[in-house]
Amino acid sequence: MKVTVVTDQHGNLVGTIRGHKLSEKQGNIEAGVFLSPGHTVRHIEVDDALGKLTDADEFHSRLTKHMTKC
């Protein structure tokens, strides 16, 4: 599964987005993700099982392990 990870200037996780697109347009409506200064975007591949987790702490723990491999 493709995931976009946003980190702050200290490498702390700020958020995640499924996929690698940061904007989408449908008809006259356009939405996107805008980053604050100092934030970094990383595109990574993770196990599909990660997308099925419902526990936020477990998701964060597993995602952090994937980030250290990058």
PDB file of N, CA and C in Angstrom:
ATOM      1  N   MET A   1       0.845  -1.161   0.000  1.00  0.00           N
ATOM      2  CA  MET A   1       0.000   0.000   0.000  1.00  0.00           C
ATOM      3  C   MET A   1       0.902   1.240   0.000  1.00  0.00           C
ATOM      4  N   LYS A   2       0.546   2.211  -0.808  1.00  0.00           N
ATOM      5  CA  LYS A   2       1.293   3.460  -0.859  1.00  0.00           C
ATOM      6  C   LYS A   2       0.764   4.408   0.201  1.00  0.00           C
ATOM      7  N   VAL A   3       1.693   5.028   0.941  1.00  0.00           N
ATOM      8  CA  VAL A   3       1.332   5.967   2.002  1.00  0.00           C
ATOM      9  C   VAL A   3       2.233   7.186   1.890  1.00  0.00           C
ATOM     10  N   THR A   4       1.646   8.349   2.066  1.00  0.00           N
ATOM     11  CA  THR A   4       2.408   9.583   2.158  1.00  0.00           C
ATOM     12  C   THR A   4       2.471   9.954   3.632  1.00  0.00           C
ATOM     13  N   VAL A   5       3.686  10.165   4.115  1.00  0.00           N
ATOM     14  CA  VAL A   5       3.910  10.474   5.521  1.00  0.00           C
ATOM     15  C   VAL A   5       4.404  11.914   5.629  1.00  0.00           C
ATOM     16  N   VAL A   6       3.814  12.671   6.535  1.00  0.00           N
ATOM     17  CA  VAL A   6       4.228  14.052   6.771  1.00  0.00           C
ATOM     18  C   VAL A   6       4.881  14.116   8.147  1.00  0.00           C
ATOM     19  N   THR A   7       6.082  14.673   8.183  1.00  0.00           N
ATOM     20  CA  THR A   7       6.812  14.838   9.442  1.00  0.00           C
ATOM     21  C   THR A   7       7.162  16.307   9.643  1.00  0.00           C
ATOM     22  N   ASP A   8       7.396  16.683  10.900  1.00  0.00           N
ATOM     23  CA  ASP A   8       7.807  18.050  11.190  1.00  0.00           C
ATOM     24  C   ASP A   8       9.324  18.179  11.082  1.00  0.00           C
ATOM     25  N   GLN A   9       9.842  19.330  11.408  1.00  0.00           N
ATOM     26  CA  GLN A   9      11.276  19.594  11.266  1.00  0.00           C
ATOM     27  C   GLN A   9      12.133  18.730  12.183  1.00  0.00           C
ATOM     28  N   HIS A  10      11.514  18.084  13.176  1.00  0.00           N
ATOM     29  CA  HIS A  10      12.241  17.204  14.095  1.00  0.00           C
ATOM     30  C   HIS A  10      12.075  15.734  13.741  1.00  0.00           C
ATOM     31  N   GLY A  11      11.342  15.445  12.664  1.00  0.00           N
ATOM     32  CA  GLY A  11      11.111  14.067  12.256  1.00  0.00           C
ATOM     33  C   GLY A  11       9.925  13.410  12.930  1.00  0.00           C
ATOM     34  N   ASN A  12       9.161  14.182  13.702  1.00  0.00           N
ATOM     35  CA  ASN A  12       7.970  13.650  14.366  1.00  0.00           C
ATOM     36  C   ASN A  12       6.824  13.501  13.367  1.00  0.00           C
ATOM     37  N   LEU A  13       6.071  12.444  13.492  1.00  0.00           N
ATOM     38  CA  LEU A  13       4.948  12.189  12.616  1.00  0.00           C
ATOM     39  C   LEU A  13       3.862  13.232  12.827  1.00  0.00           C
ATOM     40  N   VAL A  14       3.437  13.862  11.728  1.00  0.00           N
ATOM     41  CA  VAL A  14       2.363  14.848  11.776  1.00  0.00           C
ATOM     42  C   VAL A  14       1.069  14.230  11.238  1.00  0.00           C
ATOM     43  N   GLY A  15       1.191  13.442  10.166  1.00  0.00           N
ATOM     44  CA  GLY A  15       0.005  12.828   9.586  1.00  0.00           C
ATOM     45  C   GLY A  15       0.364  11.871   8.469  1.00  0.00           C
ATOM     46  N   THR A  16      -0.640  11.119   8.036  1.00  0.00           N
ATOM     47  CA  THR A  16      -0.464  10.188   6.933  1.00  0.00           C
ATOM     48  C   THR A  16      -1.626  10.335   5.960  1.00  0.00           C
ATOM     49  N   ILE A  17      -1.360  10.001   4.721  1.00  0.00           N
ATOM     50  CA  ILE A  17      -2.366  10.046   3.668  1.00  0.00           C
ATOM     51  C   ILE A  17      -2.222   8.762   2.872  1.00  0.00           C
ATOM     52  N   ARG A  18      -3.324   8.060   2.663  1.00  0.00           N
ATOM     53  CA  ARG A  18      -3.268   6.849   1.835  1.00  0.00           C
ATOM     54  C   ARG A  18      -3.027   7.292   0.396  1.00  0.00           C
ATOM     55  N   GLY A  19      -2.045   6.681  -0.232  1.00  0.00           N
ATOM     56  CA  GLY A  19      -1.693   7.039  -1.604  1.00  0.00           C
ATOM     57  C   GLY A  19      -0.624   8.112  -1.640  1.00  0.00           C
ATOM     58  N   HIS A  20      -0.310   8.546  -2.847  1.00  0.00           N
ATOM     59  CA  HIS A  20       0.753   9.541  -3.011  1.00  0.00           C
ATOM     60  C   HIS A  20       0.255  10.841  -3.632  1.00  0.00           C
ATOM     61  N   LYS A  21      -1.051  10.992  -3.770  1.00  0.00           N
ATOM     62  CA  LYS A  21      -1.596  12.232  -4.324  1.00  0.00           C
ATOM     63  C   LYS A  21      -1.950  13.181  -3.191  1.00  0.00           C
ATOM     64  N   LEU A  22      -1.518  14.430  -3.331  1.00  0.00           N
ATOM     65  CA  LEU A  22      -1.807  15.419  -2.303  1.00  0.00           C
ATOM     66  C   LEU A  22      -2.947  16.349  -2.690  1.00  0.00           C
ATOM     67  N   SER A  23      -3.512  16.158  -3.893  1.00  0.00           N
ATOM     68  CA  SER A  23      -4.658  16.964  -4.291  1.00  0.00           C
ATOM     69  C   SER A  23      -5.559  16.138  -5.205  1.00  0.00           C
ATOM     70  N   GLU A  24      -6.800  16.551  -5.269  1.00  0.00           N
ATOM     71  CA  GLU A  24      -7.798  15.848  -6.063  1.00  0.00           C
ATOM     72  C   GLU A  24      -8.801  16.869  -6.559  1.00  0.00           C
ATOM     73  N   LYS A  25      -9.261  16.670  -7.790  1.00  0.00           N
ATOM     74  CA  LYS A  25     -10.264  17.566  -8.350  1.00  0.00           C
ATOM     75  C   LYS A  25     -11.386  16.729  -8.942  1.00  0.00           C
ATOM     76  N   GLN A  26     -12.621  17.080  -8.572  1.00  0.00           N
ATOM     77  CA  GLN A  26     -13.811  16.444  -9.127  1.00  0.00           C
ATOM     78  C   GLN A  26     -14.768  17.549  -9.523  1.00  0.00           C
ATOM     79  N   GLY A  27     -14.981  17.687 -10.821  1.00  0.00           N
ATOM     80  CA  GLY A  27     -15.831  18.776 -11.295  1.00  0.00           C
ATOM     81  C   GLY A  27     -15.217  20.109 -10.945  1.00  0.00           C
ATOM     82  N   ASN A  28     -16.004  20.961 -10.287  1.00  0.00           N
ATOM     83  CA  ASN A  28     -15.517  22.297  -9.902  1.00  0.00           C
ATOM     84  C   ASN A  28     -14.922  22.335  -8.505  1.00  0.00           C
ATOM     85  N   ILE A  29     -14.854  21.184  -7.851  1.00  0.00           N
ATOM     86  CA  ILE A  29     -14.347  21.139  -6.475  1.00  0.00           C
ATOM     87  C   ILE A  29     -12.943  20.559  -6.461  1.00  0.00           C
ATOM     88  N   GLU A  30     -12.038  21.270  -5.784  1.00  0.00           N
ATOM     89  CA  GLU A  30     -10.661  20.804  -5.654  1.00  0.00           C
ATOM     90  C   GLU A  30     -10.267  20.844  -4.181  1.00  0.00           C
ATOM     91  N   ALA A  31      -9.622  19.781  -3.728  1.00  0.00           N
ATOM     92  CA  ALA A  31      -9.157  19.703  -2.342  1.00  0.00           C
ATOM     93  C   ALA A  31      -7.699  19.272  -2.350  1.00  0.00           C
ATOM     94  N   GLY A  32      -6.978  19.691  -1.334  1.00  0.00           N
ATOM     95  CA  GLY A  32      -5.573  19.313  -1.276  1.00  0.00           C
ATOM     96  C   GLY A  32      -5.018  19.428   0.122  1.00  0.00           C
ATOM     97  N   VAL A  33      -3.810  18.924   0.267  1.00  0.00           N
ATOM     98  CA  VAL A  33      -3.090  18.977   1.532  1.00  0.00           C
ATOM     99  C   VAL A  33      -2.009  20.039   1.385  1.00  0.00           C
ATOM    100  N   PHE A  34      -1.980  20.961   2.311  1.00  0.00           N
ATOM    101  CA  PHE A  34      -0.973  22.011   2.303  1.00  0.00           C
ATOM    102  C   PHE A  34      -0.127  21.866   3.560  1.00  0.00           C
ATOM    103  N   LEU A  35       1.173  21.957   3.390  1.00  0.00           N
ATOM    104  CA  LEU A  35       2.102  21.710   4.490  1.00  0.00           C
ATOM    105  C   LEU A  35       2.602  23.018   5.088  1.00  0.00           C
ATOM    106  N   SER A  36       2.864  22.973   6.378  1.00  0.00           N
ATOM    107  CA  SER A  36       3.465  24.119   7.056  1.00  0.00           C
ATOM    108  C   SER A  36       4.960  24.159   6.764  1.00  0.00           C
ATOM    109  N   PRO A  37       5.573  25.326   6.872  1.00  0.00           N
ATOM    110  CA  PRO A  37       7.020  25.404   6.689  1.00  0.00           C
ATOM    111  C   PRO A  37       7.730  24.446   7.645  1.00  0.00           C
ATOM    112  N   GLY A  38       8.719  23.739   7.135  1.00  0.00           N
ATOM    113  CA  GLY A  38       9.478  22.795   7.944  1.00  0.00           C
ATOM    114  C   GLY A  38       8.947  21.377   7.889  1.00  0.00           C
ATOM    115  N   HIS A  39       7.746  21.196   7.349  1.00  0.00           N
ATOM    116  CA  HIS A  39       7.199  19.846   7.226  1.00  0.00           C
ATOM    117  C   HIS A  39       7.758  19.168   5.977  1.00  0.00           C
ATOM    118  N   THR A  40       7.935  17.858   6.071  1.00  0.00           N
ATOM    119  CA  THR A  40       8.523  17.072   4.992  1.00  0.00           C
ATOM    120  C   THR A  40       7.555  15.961   4.593  1.00  0.00           C
ATOM    121  N   VAL A  41       7.510  15.681   3.294  1.00  0.00           N
ATOM    122  CA  VAL A  41       6.671  14.605   2.764  1.00  0.00           C
ATOM    123  C   VAL A  41       7.568  13.456   2.349  1.00  0.00           C
ATOM    124  N   ARG A  42       7.179  12.242   2.760  1.00  0.00           N
ATOM    125  CA  ARG A  42       7.897  11.039   2.329  1.00  0.00           C
ATOM    126  C   ARG A  42       6.872  10.061   1.789  1.00  0.00           C
ATOM    127  N   HIS A  43       7.170   9.502   0.619  1.00  0.00           N
ATOM    128  CA  HIS A  43       6.309   8.496   0.003  1.00  0.00           C
ATOM    129  C   HIS A  43       6.914   7.128   0.300  1.00  0.00           C
ATOM    130  N   ILE A  44       6.135   6.269   0.963  1.00  0.00           N
ATOM    131  CA  ILE A  44       6.649   4.950   1.319  1.00  0.00           C
ATOM    132  C   ILE A  44       5.637   3.869   0.939  1.00  0.00           C
ATOM    133  N   GLU A  45       6.113   2.649   0.879  1.00  0.00           N
ATOM    134  CA  GLU A  45       5.276   1.466   0.677  1.00  0.00           C
ATOM    135  C   GLU A  45       5.208   0.725   2.006  1.00  0.00           C
ATOM    136  N   VAL A  46       4.002   0.335   2.400  1.00  0.00           N
ATOM    137  CA  VAL A  46       3.803  -0.415   3.645  1.00  0.00           C
ATOM    138  C   VAL A  46       2.953  -1.642   3.358  1.00  0.00           C
ATOM    139  N   ASP A  47       2.907  -2.549   4.311  1.00  0.00           N
ATOM    140  CA  ASP A  47       2.063  -3.728   4.185  1.00  0.00           C
ATOM    141  C   ASP A  47       0.601  -3.317   4.088  1.00  0.00           C
ATOM    142  N   ASP A  48      -0.181  -4.024   3.272  1.00  0.00           N
ATOM    143  CA  ASP A  48      -1.608  -3.742   3.166  1.00  0.00           C
ATOM    144  C   ASP A  48      -2.314  -3.871   4.505  1.00  0.00           C
ATOM    145  N   ALA A  49      -1.799  -4.739   5.372  1.00  0.00           N
ATOM    146  CA  ALA A  49      -2.407  -4.943   6.687  1.00  0.00           C
ATOM    147  C   ALA A  49      -2.409  -3.656   7.513  1.00  0.00           C
ATOM    148  N   LEU A  50      -1.464  -2.782   7.271  1.00  0.00           N
ATOM    149  CA  LEU A  50      -1.387  -1.529   8.023  1.00  0.00           C
ATOM    150  C   LEU A  50      -2.646  -0.689   7.793  1.00  0.00           C
ATOM    151  N   GLY A  51      -3.170  -0.724   6.588  1.00  0.00           N
ATOM    152  CA  GLY A  51      -4.369   0.053   6.272  1.00  0.00           C
ATOM    153  C   GLY A  51      -5.633  -0.485   6.905  1.00  0.00           C
ATOM    154  N   LYS A  52      -5.574  -1.684   7.450  1.00  0.00           N
ATOM    155  CA  LYS A  52      -6.758  -2.298   8.069  1.00  0.00           C
ATOM    156  C   LYS A  52      -6.774  -2.148   9.587  1.00  0.00           C
ATOM    157  N   LEU A  53      -5.715  -1.578  10.141  1.00  0.00           N
ATOM    158  CA  LEU A  53      -5.658  -1.408  11.598  1.00  0.00           C
ATOM    159  C   LEU A  53      -6.679  -0.369  12.059  1.00  0.00           C
ATOM    160  N   THR A  54      -7.282  -0.614  13.197  1.00  0.00           N
ATOM    161  CA  THR A  54      -8.234   0.336  13.776  1.00  0.00           C
ATOM    162  C   THR A  54      -7.699   0.971  15.051  1.00  0.00           C
ATOM    163  N   ASP A  55      -6.608   0.439  15.583  1.00  0.00           N
ATOM    164  CA  ASP A  55      -6.001   0.976  16.798  1.00  0.00           C
ATOM    165  C   ASP A  55      -4.930   1.999  16.410  1.00  0.00           C
ATOM    166  N   ALA A  56      -5.129   3.246  16.793  1.00  0.00           N
ATOM    167  CA  ALA A  56      -4.215   4.319  16.401  1.00  0.00           C
ATOM    168  C   ALA A  56      -2.802   4.105  16.933  1.00  0.00           C
ATOM    169  N   ASP A  57      -2.675   3.627  18.167  1.00  0.00           N
ATOM    170  CA  ASP A  57      -1.345   3.410  18.748  1.00  0.00           C
ATOM    171  C   ASP A  57      -0.579   2.337  17.988  1.00  0.00           C
ATOM    172  N   GLU A  58      -1.273   1.251  17.628  1.00  0.00           N
ATOM    173  CA  GLU A  58      -0.621   0.190  16.870  1.00  0.00           C
ATOM    174  C   GLU A  58      -0.248   0.670  15.469  1.00  0.00           C
ATOM    175  N   PHE A  59      -1.143   1.449  14.845  1.00  0.00           N
ATOM    176  CA  PHE A  59      -0.845   2.020  13.527  1.00  0.00           C
ATOM    177  C   PHE A  59       0.414   2.871  13.598  1.00  0.00           C
ATOM    178  N   HIS A  60       0.475   3.754  14.581  1.00  0.00           N
ATOM    179  CA  HIS A  60       1.629   4.642  14.737  1.00  0.00           C
ATOM    180  C   HIS A  60       2.907   3.839  14.958  1.00  0.00           C
ATOM    181  N   SER A  61       2.838   2.823  15.809  1.00  0.00           N
ATOM    182  CA  SER A  61       4.010   1.995  16.103  1.00  0.00           C
ATOM    183  C   SER A  61       4.519   1.296  14.843  1.00  0.00           C
ATOM    184  N   ARG A  62       3.613   0.681  14.096  1.00  0.00           N
ATOM    185  CA  ARG A  62       4.029  -0.034  12.878  1.00  0.00           C
ATOM    186  C   ARG A  62       4.525   0.927  11.800  1.00  0.00           C
ATOM    187  N   LEU A  63       3.862   2.066  11.663  1.00  0.00           N
ATOM    188  CA  LEU A  63       4.276   3.038  10.657  1.00  0.00           C
ATOM    189  C   LEU A  63       5.667   3.574  10.978  1.00  0.00           C
ATOM    190  N   THR A  64       5.929   3.837  12.245  1.00  0.00           N
ATOM    191  CA  THR A  64       7.245   4.325  12.664  1.00  0.00           C
ATOM    192  C   THR A  64       8.344   3.340  12.295  1.00  0.00           C
ATOM    193  N   LYS A  65       8.058   2.035  12.421  1.00  0.00           N
ATOM    194  CA  LYS A  65       9.040   1.014  12.037  1.00  0.00           C
ATOM    195  C   LYS A  65       9.325   1.073  10.539  1.00  0.00           C
ATOM    196  N   HIS A  66       8.301   1.307   9.723  1.00  0.00           N
ATOM    197  CA  HIS A  66       8.497   1.427   8.276  1.00  0.00           C
ATOM    198  C   HIS A  66       9.323   2.686   7.950  1.00  0.00           C
ATOM    199  N   MET A  67       9.099   3.746   8.695  1.00  0.00           N
ATOM    200  CA  MET A  67       9.801   4.993   8.422  1.00  0.00           C
ATOM    201  C   MET A  67      11.288   4.881   8.697  1.00  0.00           C
ATOM    202  N   THR A  68      11.681   4.070   9.669  1.00  0.00           N
ATOM    203  CA  THR A  68      13.107   3.945   9.985  1.00  0.00           C
ATOM    204  C   THR A  68      13.838   3.168   8.890  1.00  0.00           C
ATOM    205  N   LYS A  69      13.101   2.421   8.043  1.00  0.00           N
ATOM    206  CA  LYS A  69      13.724   1.668   6.949  1.00  0.00           C
ATOM    207  C   LYS A  69      14.018   2.557   5.751  1.00  0.00           C
ATOM    208  N   CYS A  70      13.432   3.753   5.732  1.00  0.00           N
ATOM    209  CA  CYS A  70      13.600   4.655   4.582  1.00  0.00           C
ATOM    210  C   CYS A  70      14.885   5.436   4.661  1.00  0.00           C
TER     211      CYS A  70
END
